[in-house]
Amino acid sequence: MVKMPFRGSAAANTTLHLCLVLVLMVSSPSCLVRRRSITRKGGAPTQTLLTTDKESLMQEIAQQYAAIQSLNATVDMVPALGSANKGKITEYKDVRAFILFRKPANIRIIGLYPVVRNKAFDMVSDGSNFRLFIPARNRFIEGANQLQAPSPNKLENLRPQHFLEALLVRPIDKSRSEETIFENFTDEDNAAYILSVITPNPLGGPPVLERQLWFERLRLKLVRQLIFDHGGDILTDARYSDWQYYDKVPCAKRIDINRPKDEYGVVITVVKMDINTPVTDDKFELAQPEGTELQVLGAPKPEAPKGAPAQPTKKGNGKK
């Protein structure tokens, strides 16, 4: 004979609760189950997320990089000074610019002021050193591409290479012992594959995170590139949108570049771009204009000549 649990026992209460739940689920499922569509930015509610693997994404970046040998672009720029960390950003609208690039690392960028279209800046780099001419300040700046220490003057932090590394994303370089980690970052708000690039630490110790490449899963296009220093701080945060074909090569029409440690950024929108047209050597020559002030970044300060009299100190007007 099977003994039934007596009234009020824990077993009886549990059995009763389970029976009630099953009855409700069978008789009225719409009351207990709520379905909702997930709509992500740029996609339809019913759009299926695309899938891929690490090797395919690495191959796409390598193919795009190999397809571009040179470019000649007319762009609109919105430069900005300041940083989100300090809570203040000042933007300058309607700057027209021209970008010339030729592999391996020659780049020149000429910016024009709004309305009057006078030259705002002219900078060029060969991959190792750069030159920057600022007509409004009658100043000509030159130095190494590698920024040793940020300057309080934000214009002195400008480097053509910062634009180049955002415009032309480097492929994974096995010769530099670069390794990758593949991550699927998908939830209700995000749908992206993240390719993290790890490199040996030049100072010794564990490997360091050098870059992250983010690919959205609606079209499998690159939407973000983060470049880090050895301490893990963000050097460059570049965001890509509105991908189009220029001379049969896919490129982002809009690139939002931020340099938080240097406290400047720029939004670039392509107006016109020609890819793989010949660019001659003279296009990357920038001579110092006569009468301008030369500033060499990183150069040691000149020492006072020997035997020079010491500068007199100012005396106060205090009473004896």
C-alpha atoms as a PDB file:
ATOM      1  CA  MET A   1       0.000   0.000   0.000  1.00  0.00           C
ATOM      2  CA  VAL A   2       1.349   3.398  -0.996  1.00  0.00           C
ATOM      3  CA  LYS A   3       1.297   5.957   1.758  1.00  0.00           C
ATOM      4  CA  MET A   4       0.247   9.445   0.756  1.00  0.00           C
ATOM      5  CA  PRO A   5       1.923  12.361   2.465  1.00  0.00           C
ATOM      6  CA  PHE A   6      -0.227  13.828   5.203  1.00  0.00           C
ATOM      7  CA  ARG A   7      -1.733  17.277   4.890  1.00  0.00           C
ATOM      8  CA  GLY A   8       0.618  20.127   5.640  1.00  0.00           C
ATOM      9  CA  SER A   9       3.818  18.191   4.980  1.00  0.00           C
ATOM     10  CA  ALA A  10       6.624  19.739   2.887  1.00  0.00           C
ATOM     11  CA  ALA A  11       6.336  16.989   0.275  1.00  0.00           C
ATOM     12  CA  ALA A  12       2.624  17.643  -0.172  1.00  0.00           C
ATOM     13  CA  ASN A  13       3.117  21.387  -0.583  1.00  0.00           C
ATOM     14  CA  THR A  14       5.871  20.892  -3.163  1.00  0.00           C
ATOM     15  CA  THR A  15       3.762  18.423  -5.182  1.00  0.00           C
ATOM     16  CA  LEU A  16       0.779  20.804  -5.138  1.00  0.00           C
ATOM     17  CA  HIS A  17       2.878  23.745  -6.322  1.00  0.00           C
ATOM     18  CA  LEU A  18       4.333  21.744  -9.209  1.00  0.00           C
ATOM     19  CA  CYS A  19       0.906  20.610 -10.325  1.00  0.00           C
ATOM     20  CA  LEU A  20      -0.415  24.182 -10.313  1.00  0.00           C
ATOM     21  CA  VAL A  21       2.530  25.414 -12.374  1.00  0.00           C
ATOM     22  CA  LEU A  22       2.081  22.634 -14.962  1.00  0.00           C
ATOM     23  CA  VAL A  23      -1.636  23.311 -15.262  1.00  0.00           C
ATOM     24  CA  LEU A  24      -1.086  27.034 -15.791  1.00  0.00           C
ATOM     25  CA  MET A  25       1.633  26.468 -18.386  1.00  0.00           C
ATOM     26  CA  VAL A  26      -0.555  24.084 -20.401  1.00  0.00           C
ATOM     27  CA  SER A  27      -3.781  26.011 -20.163  1.00  0.00           C
ATOM     28  CA  SER A  28      -2.488  29.586 -20.550  1.00  0.00           C
ATOM     29  CA  PRO A  29       1.064  29.825 -21.893  1.00  0.00           C
ATOM     30  CA  SER A  30       0.671  33.438 -23.016  1.00  0.00           C
ATOM     31  CA  CYS A  31       0.184  34.541 -19.426  1.00  0.00           C
ATOM     32  CA  LEU A  32       3.513  33.151 -18.259  1.00  0.00           C
ATOM     33  CA  VAL A  33       5.787  33.550 -21.302  1.00  0.00           C
ATOM     34  CA  ARG A  34       6.717  36.941 -22.733  1.00  0.00           C
ATOM     35  CA  ARG A  35       8.492  37.064 -26.069  1.00  0.00           C
ATOM     36  CA  ARG A  36      10.278  40.193 -27.287  1.00  0.00           C
ATOM     37  CA  SER A  37      12.369  40.990 -30.328  1.00  0.00           C
ATOM     38  CA  ILE A  38      15.943  42.177 -30.011  1.00  0.00           C
ATOM     39  CA  THR A  39      16.693  44.992 -32.429  1.00  0.00           C
ATOM     40  CA  ARG A  40      20.320  46.026 -32.702  1.00  0.00           C
ATOM     41  CA  LYS A  41      21.551  49.288 -34.159  1.00  0.00           C
ATOM     42  CA  GLY A  42      21.658  49.049 -37.946  1.00  0.00           C
ATOM     43  CA  GLY A  43      19.686  45.820 -38.138  1.00  0.00           C
ATOM     44  CA  ALA A  44      16.103  44.589 -38.444  1.00  0.00           C
ATOM     45  CA  PRO A  45      14.287  42.809 -35.584  1.00  0.00           C
ATOM     46  CA  THR A  46      14.327  39.525 -37.494  1.00  0.00           C
ATOM     47  CA  GLN A  47      17.865  39.810 -38.884  1.00  0.00           C
ATOM     48  CA  THR A  48      19.992  36.763 -38.168  1.00  0.00           C
ATOM     49  CA  LEU A  49      23.493  37.321 -36.803  1.00  0.00           C
ATOM     50  CA  LEU A  50      26.292  36.181 -39.071  1.00  0.00           C
ATOM     51  CA  THR A  51      28.945  33.739 -37.909  1.00  0.00           C
ATOM     52  CA  THR A  52      32.615  33.412 -38.774  1.00  0.00           C
ATOM     53  CA  ASP A  53      35.926  32.317 -37.278  1.00  0.00           C
ATOM     54  CA  LYS A  54      39.220  33.901 -36.318  1.00  0.00           C
ATOM     55  CA  GLU A  55      41.075  32.906 -39.470  1.00  0.00           C
ATOM     56  CA  SER A  56      38.431  34.458 -41.745  1.00  0.00           C
ATOM     57  CA  LEU A  57      38.568  37.810 -39.949  1.00  0.00           C
ATOM     58  CA  MET A  58      42.367  37.830 -40.027  1.00  0.00           C
ATOM     59  CA  GLN A  59      42.282  37.076 -43.744  1.00  0.00           C
ATOM     60  CA  GLU A  60      39.820  39.901 -44.412  1.00  0.00           C
ATOM     61  CA  ILE A  61      42.062  42.459 -42.694  1.00  0.00           C
ATOM     62  CA  ALA A  62      45.130  41.163 -44.545  1.00  0.00           C
ATOM     63  CA  GLN A  63      43.388  41.307 -47.935  1.00  0.00           C
ATOM     64  CA  GLN A  64      42.139  44.838 -47.417  1.00  0.00           C
ATOM     65  CA  TYR A  65      45.592  46.016 -46.317  1.00  0.00           C
ATOM     66  CA  ALA A  66      47.263  44.359 -49.324  1.00  0.00           C
ATOM     67  CA  ALA A  67      44.730  45.875 -51.744  1.00  0.00           C
ATOM     68  CA  ILE A  68      45.785  49.460 -50.940  1.00  0.00           C
ATOM     69  CA  GLN A  69      49.182  50.630 -52.190  1.00  0.00           C
ATOM     70  CA  SER A  70      48.336  54.336 -52.257  1.00  0.00           C
ATOM     71  CA  LEU A  71      45.371  56.621 -51.780  1.00  0.00           C
ATOM     72  CA  ASN A  72      44.397  60.206 -52.510  1.00  0.00           C
ATOM     73  CA  ALA A  73      41.427  61.354 -50.457  1.00  0.00           C
ATOM     74  CA  THR A  74      39.422  64.525 -49.956  1.00  0.00           C
ATOM     75  CA  VAL A  75      37.745  64.486 -46.553  1.00  0.00           C
ATOM     76  CA  ASP A  76      35.763  66.605 -44.146  1.00  0.00           C
ATOM     77  CA  MET A  77      37.234  66.738 -40.665  1.00  0.00           C
ATOM     78  CA  VAL A  78      35.874  67.694 -37.256  1.00  0.00           C
ATOM     79  CA  PRO A  79      38.919  68.102 -34.990  1.00  0.00           C
ATOM     80  CA  ALA A  80      38.351  68.160 -31.236  1.00  0.00           C
ATOM     81  CA  LEU A  81      40.557  69.120 -28.298  1.00  0.00           C
ATOM     82  CA  GLY A  82      40.085  67.761 -24.793  1.00  0.00           C
ATOM     83  CA  SER A  83      39.125  64.323 -23.509  1.00  0.00           C
ATOM     84  CA  ALA A  84      36.190  62.453 -22.019  1.00  0.00           C
ATOM     85  CA  ASN A  85      38.336  61.741 -18.955  1.00  0.00           C
ATOM     86  CA  LYS A  86      38.436  65.472 -18.157  1.00  0.00           C
ATOM     87  CA  GLY A  87      34.804  66.008 -19.066  1.00  0.00           C
ATOM     88  CA  LYS A  88      35.378  68.719 -21.691  1.00  0.00           C
ATOM     89  CA  ILE A  89      35.711  68.448 -25.477  1.00  0.00           C
ATOM     90  CA  THR A  90      35.860  71.403 -27.902  1.00  0.00           C
ATOM     91  CA  GLU A  91      35.003  70.658 -31.541  1.00  0.00           C
ATOM     92  CA  TYR A  92      35.931  72.652 -34.650  1.00  0.00           C
ATOM     93  CA  LYS A  93      33.481  72.204 -37.518  1.00  0.00           C
ATOM     94  CA  ASP A  94      33.852  72.162 -41.295  1.00  0.00           C
ATOM     95  CA  VAL A  95      37.572  71.569 -41.859  1.00  0.00           C
ATOM     96  CA  ARG A  96      38.352  70.342 -45.375  1.00  0.00           C
ATOM     97  CA  ALA A  97      41.461  68.176 -45.682  1.00  0.00           C
ATOM     98  CA  PHE A  98      43.456  66.250 -48.269  1.00  0.00           C
ATOM     99  CA  ILE A  99      45.170  62.970 -47.425  1.00  0.00           C
ATOM    100  CA  LEU A 100      47.928  61.397 -49.511  1.00  0.00           C
ATOM    101  CA  PHE A 101      49.365  57.991 -48.681  1.00  0.00           C
ATOM    102  CA  ARG A 102      51.874  55.670 -50.295  1.00  0.00           C
ATOM    103  CA  LYS A 103      53.293  52.446 -48.926  1.00  0.00           C
ATOM    104  CA  PRO A 104      55.204  51.637 -46.928  1.00  0.00           C
ATOM    105  CA  ALA A 105      54.552  54.619 -44.642  1.00  0.00           C
ATOM    106  CA  ASN A 106      54.544  57.962 -46.485  1.00  0.00           C
ATOM    107  CA  ILE A 107      51.595  60.149 -45.554  1.00  0.00           C
ATOM    108  CA  ARG A 108      50.711  63.820 -45.956  1.00  0.00           C
ATOM    109  CA  ILE A 109      47.681  65.648 -44.584  1.00  0.00           C
ATOM    110  CA  ILE A 110      46.759  69.237 -45.481  1.00  0.00           C
ATOM    111  CA  GLY A 111      43.924  70.913 -43.554  1.00  0.00           C
ATOM    112  CA  LEU A 112      42.008  74.038 -44.589  1.00  0.00           C
ATOM    113  CA  TYR A 113      40.088  76.449 -42.384  1.00  0.00           C
ATOM    114  CA  PRO A 114      36.298  76.644 -42.717  1.00  0.00           C
ATOM    115  CA  VAL A 115      34.761  79.146 -45.167  1.00  0.00           C
ATOM    116  CA  VAL A 116      37.944  80.974 -46.234  1.00  0.00           C
ATOM    117  CA  ARG A 117      39.779  77.678 -46.899  1.00  0.00           C
ATOM    118  CA  ASN A 118      43.202  79.046 -45.967  1.00  0.00           C
ATOM    119  CA  LYS A 119      45.735  76.435 -44.901  1.00  0.00           C
ATOM    120  CA  ALA A 120      45.300  75.475 -41.248  1.00  0.00           C
ATOM    121  CA  PHE A 121      48.085  72.888 -41.101  1.00  0.00           C
ATOM    122  CA  ASP A 122      50.332  70.805 -43.327  1.00  0.00           C
ATOM    123  CA  MET A 123      52.026  67.696 -42.002  1.00  0.00           C
ATOM    124  CA  VAL A 124      54.016  64.888 -43.547  1.00  0.00           C
ATOM    125  CA  SER A 125      55.746  61.730 -42.325  1.00  0.00           C
ATOM    126  CA  ASP A 126      57.996  59.035 -43.758  1.00  0.00           C
ATOM    127  CA  GLY A 127      57.121  56.551 -41.024  1.00  0.00           C
ATOM    128  CA  SER A 128      59.991  57.528 -38.703  1.00  0.00           C
ATOM    129  CA  ASN A 129      59.976  61.326 -38.560  1.00  0.00           C
ATOM    130  CA  PHE A 130      57.378  64.003 -39.197  1.00  0.00           C
ATOM    131  CA  ARG A 131      57.141  67.690 -40.095  1.00  0.00           C
ATOM    132  CA  LEU A 132      54.244  69.993 -39.219  1.00  0.00           C
ATOM    133  CA  PHE A 133      53.654  73.536 -40.504  1.00  0.00           C
ATOM    134  CA  ILE A 134      51.110  75.766 -38.715  1.00  0.00           C
ATOM    135  CA  PRO A 135      50.797  79.023 -40.718  1.00  0.00           C
ATOM    136  CA  ALA A 136      48.630  80.849 -38.150  1.00  0.00           C
ATOM    137  CA  ARG A 137      51.419  80.510 -35.579  1.00  0.00           C
ATOM    138  CA  ASN A 138      54.225  80.901 -38.074  1.00  0.00           C
ATOM    139  CA  ARG A 139      55.673  77.720 -36.593  1.00  0.00           C
ATOM    140  CA  PHE A 140      57.387  74.740 -38.198  1.00  0.00           C
ATOM    141  CA  ILE A 141      57.650  71.644 -36.002  1.00  0.00           C
ATOM    142  CA  GLU A 142      59.658  68.510 -36.675  1.00  0.00           C
ATOM    143  CA  GLY A 143      60.642  65.446 -34.685  1.00  0.00           C
ATOM    144  CA  ALA A 144      60.247  61.703 -34.286  1.00  0.00           C
ATOM    145  CA  ASN A 145      56.911  59.999 -34.799  1.00  0.00           C
ATOM    146  CA  GLN A 146      57.206  58.344 -31.417  1.00  0.00           C
ATOM    147  CA  LEU A 147      55.685  60.672 -28.843  1.00  0.00           C
ATOM    148  CA  GLN A 148      57.929  60.621 -25.784  1.00  0.00           C
ATOM    149  CA  ALA A 149      55.791  62.794 -23.507  1.00  0.00           C
ATOM    150  CA  PRO A 150      52.503  64.591 -24.277  1.00  0.00           C
ATOM    151  CA  SER A 151      52.817  68.361 -24.652  1.00  0.00           C
ATOM    152  CA  PRO A 152      50.433  70.806 -22.927  1.00  0.00           C
ATOM    153  CA  ASN A 153      50.054  72.320 -26.407  1.00  0.00           C
ATOM    154  CA  LYS A 154      47.738  69.824 -28.086  1.00  0.00           C
ATOM    155  CA  LEU A 155      48.895  70.770 -31.593  1.00  0.00           C
ATOM    156  CA  GLU A 156      52.371  69.511 -30.730  1.00  0.00           C
ATOM    157  CA  ASN A 157      50.883  66.066 -30.053  1.00  0.00           C
ATOM    158  CA  LEU A 158      49.646  65.686 -33.631  1.00  0.00           C
ATOM    159  CA  ARG A 159      51.358  62.898 -35.553  1.00  0.00           C
ATOM    160  CA  PRO A 160      50.522  61.785 -39.106  1.00  0.00           C
ATOM    161  CA  GLN A 161      51.049  58.183 -38.004  1.00  0.00           C
ATOM    162  CA  HIS A 162      48.075  58.435 -35.668  1.00  0.00           C
ATOM    163  CA  PHE A 163      45.871  59.010 -38.705  1.00  0.00           C
ATOM    164  CA  LEU A 164      47.620  56.323 -40.748  1.00  0.00           C
ATOM    165  CA  GLU A 165      47.239  53.541 -38.187  1.00  0.00           C
ATOM    166  CA  ALA A 166      43.506  54.285 -38.051  1.00  0.00           C
ATOM    167  CA  LEU A 167      43.006  54.691 -41.810  1.00  0.00           C
ATOM    168  CA  LEU A 168      44.920  51.552 -42.774  1.00  0.00           C
ATOM    169  CA  VAL A 169      44.504  48.733 -40.264  1.00  0.00           C
ATOM    170  CA  ARG A 170      47.586  46.537 -40.077  1.00  0.00           C
ATOM    171  CA  PRO A 171      47.165  42.771 -40.476  1.00  0.00           C
ATOM    172  CA  ILE A 172      48.385  40.343 -37.847  1.00  0.00           C
ATOM    173  CA  ASP A 173      52.181  40.140 -38.112  1.00  0.00           C
ATOM    174  CA  LYS A 174      53.573  36.724 -37.177  1.00  0.00           C
ATOM    175  CA  SER A 175      57.129  38.033 -37.681  1.00  0.00           C
ATOM    176  CA  ARG A 176      56.573  40.220 -34.608  1.00  0.00           C
ATOM    177  CA  SER A 177      55.375  37.184 -32.654  1.00  0.00           C
ATOM    178  CA  GLU A 178      51.841  38.573 -32.574  1.00  0.00           C
ATOM    179  CA  GLU A 179      49.235  36.148 -31.266  1.00  0.00           C
ATOM    180  CA  THR A 180      45.458  36.501 -31.290  1.00  0.00           C
ATOM    181  CA  ILE A 181      42.554  35.697 -28.993  1.00  0.00           C
ATOM    182  CA  PHE A 182      39.089  35.312 -30.522  1.00  0.00           C
ATOM    183  CA  GLU A 183      36.015  36.306 -28.497  1.00  0.00           C
ATOM    184  CA  ASN A 184      32.283  36.216 -29.238  1.00  0.00           C
ATOM    185  CA  PHE A 185      30.786  39.206 -27.395  1.00  0.00           C
ATOM    186  CA  THR A 186      27.049  38.769 -27.966  1.00  0.00           C
ATOM    187  CA  ASP A 187      24.227  39.672 -25.608  1.00  0.00           C
ATOM    188  CA  GLU A 188      20.984  41.665 -25.771  1.00  0.00           C
ATOM    189  CA  ASP A 189      22.827  44.929 -26.443  1.00  0.00           C
ATOM    190  CA  ASN A 190      25.938  43.813 -28.322  1.00  0.00           C
ATOM    191  CA  ALA A 191      26.742  41.468 -31.162  1.00  0.00           C
ATOM    192  CA  ALA A 192      30.419  41.530 -32.052  1.00  0.00           C
ATOM    193  CA  TYR A 193      33.471  39.390 -32.559  1.00  0.00           C
ATOM    194  CA  ILE A 194      36.592  40.735 -30.850  1.00  0.00           C
ATOM    195  CA  LEU A 195      40.057  39.882 -32.108  1.00  0.00           C
ATOM    196  CA  SER A 196      42.664  40.737 -29.463  1.00  0.00           C
ATOM    197  CA  VAL A 197      46.284  41.014 -30.606  1.00  0.00           C
ATOM    198  CA  ILE A 198      48.870  39.991 -28.000  1.00  0.00           C
ATOM    199  CA  THR A 199      52.587  40.780 -28.329  1.00  0.00           C
ATOM    200  CA  PRO A 200      55.687  39.999 -26.238  1.00  0.00           C
ATOM    201  CA  ASN A 201      56.465  42.577 -23.590  1.00  0.00           C
ATOM    202  CA  PRO A 202      59.613  44.474 -24.672  1.00  0.00           C
ATOM    203  CA  LEU A 203      60.339  45.170 -21.006  1.00  0.00           C
ATOM    204  CA  GLY A 204      60.063  41.516 -20.087  1.00  0.00           C
ATOM    205  CA  GLY A 205      57.348  39.761 -18.166  1.00  0.00           C
ATOM    206  CA  PRO A 206      53.989  38.511 -19.451  1.00  0.00           C
ATOM    207  CA  PRO A 207      52.726  39.393 -22.963  1.00  0.00           C
ATOM    208  CA  VAL A 208      50.777  42.624 -23.391  1.00  0.00           C
ATOM    209  CA  LEU A 209      47.562  43.528 -25.182  1.00  0.00           C
ATOM    210  CA  GLU A 210      48.509  45.649 -28.203  1.00  0.00           C
ATOM    211  CA  ARG A 211      45.268  45.991 -30.166  1.00  0.00           C
ATOM    212  CA  GLN A 212      41.653  44.936 -30.313  1.00  0.00           C
ATOM    213  CA  LEU A 213      39.638  44.675 -33.530  1.00  0.00           C
ATOM    214  CA  TRP A 214      35.846  44.662 -33.174  1.00  0.00           C
ATOM    215  CA  PHE A 215      33.623  43.238 -35.958  1.00  0.00           C
ATOM    216  CA  GLU A 216      29.842  43.667 -35.795  1.00  0.00           C
ATOM    217  CA  ARG A 217      27.878  40.499 -36.532  1.00  0.00           C
ATOM    218  CA  LEU A 218      25.166  42.000 -38.759  1.00  0.00           C
ATOM    219  CA  ARG A 219      27.529  42.385 -41.735  1.00  0.00           C
ATOM    220  CA  LEU A 220      30.885  41.227 -40.295  1.00  0.00           C
ATOM    221  CA  LYS A 221      32.470  44.645 -40.840  1.00  0.00           C
ATOM    222  CA  LEU A 222      35.167  46.258 -38.708  1.00  0.00           C
ATOM    223  CA  VAL A 223      33.559  48.821 -36.395  1.00  0.00           C
ATOM    224  CA  ARG A 224      36.284  49.568 -33.853  1.00  0.00           C
ATOM    225  CA  GLN A 225      40.028  49.386 -33.322  1.00  0.00           C
ATOM    226  CA  LEU A 226      41.613  49.957 -29.917  1.00  0.00           C
ATOM    227  CA  ILE A 227      45.373  50.453 -29.613  1.00  0.00           C
ATOM    228  CA  PHE A 228      46.950  50.198 -26.159  1.00  0.00           C
ATOM    229  CA  ASP A 229      50.231  51.164 -24.542  1.00  0.00           C
ATOM    230  CA  HIS A 230      52.227  48.672 -22.468  1.00  0.00           C
ATOM    231  CA  GLY A 231      50.399  49.781 -19.325  1.00  0.00           C
ATOM    232  CA  GLY A 232      47.000  48.912 -20.797  1.00  0.00           C
ATOM    233  CA  ASP A 233      45.857  52.507 -21.355  1.00  0.00           C
ATOM    234  CA  ILE A 234      44.115  53.379 -24.634  1.00  0.00           C
ATOM    235  CA  LEU A 235      46.311  55.250 -27.118  1.00  0.00           C
ATOM    236  CA  THR A 236      43.884  55.233 -30.059  1.00  0.00           C
ATOM    237  CA  ASP A 237      40.174  54.495 -30.174  1.00  0.00           C
ATOM    238  CA  ALA A 238      39.065  54.401 -33.831  1.00  0.00           C
ATOM    239  CA  ARG A 239      35.478  53.671 -34.834  1.00  0.00           C
ATOM    240  CA  TYR A 240      34.381  52.811 -38.367  1.00  0.00           C
ATOM    241  CA  SER A 241      30.994  53.139 -40.053  1.00  0.00           C
ATOM    242  CA  ASP A 242      29.241  53.453 -43.425  1.00  0.00           C
ATOM    243  CA  TRP A 243      31.448  51.007 -45.319  1.00  0.00           C
ATOM    244  CA  GLN A 244      31.569  51.607 -49.074  1.00  0.00           C
ATOM    245  CA  TYR A 245      33.620  50.516 -52.068  1.00  0.00           C
ATOM    246  CA  TYR A 246      36.239  52.855 -53.541  1.00  0.00           C
ATOM    247  CA  ASP A 247      37.852  51.492 -56.713  1.00  0.00           C
ATOM    248  CA  LYS A 248      36.515  48.054 -55.705  1.00  0.00           C
ATOM    249  CA  VAL A 249      38.214  48.219 -52.296  1.00  0.00           C
ATOM    250  CA  PRO A 250      35.993  48.303 -49.164  1.00  0.00           C
ATOM    251  CA  CYS A 251      36.707  51.280 -46.897  1.00  0.00           C
ATOM    252  CA  ALA A 252      34.837  53.024 -44.104  1.00  0.00           C
ATOM    253  CA  LYS A 253      33.426  56.380 -45.195  1.00  0.00           C
ATOM    254  CA  ARG A 254      33.397  57.689 -41.618  1.00  0.00           C
ATOM    255  CA  ILE A 255      36.210  57.194 -39.098  1.00  0.00           C
ATOM    256  CA  ASP A 256      36.055  58.615 -35.578  1.00  0.00           C
ATOM    257  CA  ILE A 257      39.585  58.794 -34.106  1.00  0.00           C
ATOM    258  CA  ASN A 258      40.210  59.583 -30.440  1.00  0.00           C
ATOM    259  CA  ARG A 259      43.578  59.940 -28.696  1.00  0.00           C
ATOM    260  CA  PRO A 260      42.563  60.244 -25.011  1.00  0.00           C
ATOM    261  CA  LYS A 261      46.085  60.515 -23.575  1.00  0.00           C
ATOM    262  CA  ASP A 262      47.027  63.209 -26.108  1.00  0.00           C
ATOM    263  CA  GLU A 263      43.656  64.905 -25.538  1.00  0.00           C
ATOM    264  CA  TYR A 264      42.599  65.328 -29.134  1.00  0.00           C
ATOM    265  CA  GLY A 265      40.448  63.566 -31.664  1.00  0.00           C
ATOM    266  CA  VAL A 266      39.044  63.952 -35.155  1.00  0.00           C
ATOM    267  CA  VAL A 267      36.064  62.675 -37.124  1.00  0.00           C
ATOM    268  CA  ILE A 268      36.930  61.996 -40.769  1.00  0.00           C
ATOM    269  CA  THR A 269      34.234  61.712 -43.440  1.00  0.00           C
ATOM    270  CA  VAL A 270      35.386  60.755 -46.917  1.00  0.00           C
ATOM    271  CA  VAL A 271      34.149  63.039 -49.707  1.00  0.00           C
ATOM    272  CA  LYS A 272      36.191  61.473 -52.491  1.00  0.00           C
ATOM    273  CA  MET A 273      38.904  58.823 -52.559  1.00  0.00           C
ATOM    274  CA  ASP A 274      41.059  57.385 -55.322  1.00  0.00           C
ATOM    275  CA  ILE A 275      42.957  54.204 -54.526  1.00  0.00           C
ATOM    276  CA  ASN A 276      46.208  53.024 -56.121  1.00  0.00           C
ATOM    277  CA  THR A 277      46.751  56.093 -58.293  1.00  0.00           C
ATOM    278  CA  PRO A 278      50.423  57.112 -58.732  1.00  0.00           C
ATOM    279  CA  VAL A 279      51.784  59.461 -56.041  1.00  0.00           C
ATOM    280  CA  THR A 280      55.222  60.969 -56.741  1.00  0.00           C
ATOM    281  CA  ASP A 281      57.990  61.638 -54.218  1.00  0.00           C
ATOM    282  CA  ASP A 282      57.611  65.420 -54.355  1.00  0.00           C
ATOM    283  CA  LYS A 283      54.114  65.135 -52.864  1.00  0.00           C
ATOM    284  CA  PHE A 284      55.714  64.098 -49.568  1.00  0.00           C
ATOM    285  CA  GLU A 285      58.256  66.937 -49.410  1.00  0.00           C
ATOM    286  CA  LEU A 286      57.560  69.700 -46.899  1.00  0.00           C
ATOM    287  CA  ALA A 287      60.258  72.350 -46.583  1.00  0.00           C
ATOM    288  CA  GLN A 288      60.352  74.932 -43.820  1.00  0.00           C
ATOM    289  CA  PRO A 289      58.997  78.236 -45.150  1.00  0.00           C
ATOM    290  CA  GLU A 290      61.350  81.178 -44.859  1.00  0.00           C
ATOM    291  CA  GLY A 291      60.823  83.333 -41.804  1.00  0.00           C
ATOM    292  CA  THR A 292      59.033  80.674 -39.743  1.00  0.00           C
ATOM    293  CA  GLU A 293      60.031  79.615 -36.232  1.00  0.00           C
ATOM    294  CA  LEU A 294      61.571  76.136 -36.094  1.00  0.00           C
ATOM    295  CA  GLN A 295      60.772  73.879 -33.170  1.00  0.00           C
ATOM    296  CA  VAL A 296      62.492  70.497 -32.939  1.00  0.00           C
ATOM    297  CA  LEU A 297      60.641  68.224 -30.541  1.00  0.00           C
ATOM    298  CA  GLY A 298      62.854  66.099 -28.361  1.00  0.00           C
ATOM    299  CA  ALA A 299      65.949  68.225 -29.040  1.00  0.00           C
ATOM    300  CA  PRO A 300      68.053  69.102 -25.967  1.00  0.00           C
ATOM    301  CA  LYS A 301      67.832  72.686 -24.775  1.00  0.00           C
ATOM    302  CA  PRO A 302      70.857  74.791 -25.790  1.00  0.00           C
ATOM    303  CA  GLU A 303      73.357  75.386 -23.006  1.00  0.00           C
ATOM    304  CA  ALA A 304      74.376  78.895 -22.016  1.00  0.00           C
ATOM    305  CA  PRO A 305      77.791  79.839 -23.465  1.00  0.00           C
ATOM    306  CA  LYS A 306      80.725  79.505 -21.079  1.00  0.00           C
ATOM    307  CA  GLY A 307      81.688  82.737 -19.366  1.00  0.00           C
ATOM    308  CA  ALA A 308      78.297  84.312 -19.994  1.00  0.00           C
ATOM    309  CA  PRO A 309      77.214  86.580 -17.148  1.00  0.00           C
ATOM    310  CA  ALA A 310      74.496  85.236 -14.925  1.00  0.00           C
ATOM    311  CA  GLN A 311      71.076  86.737 -15.336  1.00  0.00           C
ATOM    312  CA  PRO A 312      70.409  89.307 -12.590  1.00  0.00           C
ATOM    313  CA  THR A 313      67.643  88.407 -10.191  1.00  0.00           C
ATOM    314  CA  LYS A 314      64.861  90.826  -9.521  1.00  0.00           C
ATOM    315  CA  LYS A 315      65.011  92.483  -6.137  1.00  0.00           C
ATOM    316  CA  GLY A 316      61.966  93.213  -4.075  1.00  0.00           C
ATOM    317  CA  ASN A 317      60.951  96.615  -2.716  1.00  0.00           C
ATOM    318  CA  GLY A 318      60.946  95.547   0.880  1.00  0.00           C
ATOM    319  CA  LYS A 319      61.965  98.113   3.491  1.00  0.00           C
ATOM    320  CA  LYS A 320      65.270  97.782   5.300  1.00  0.00           C
END
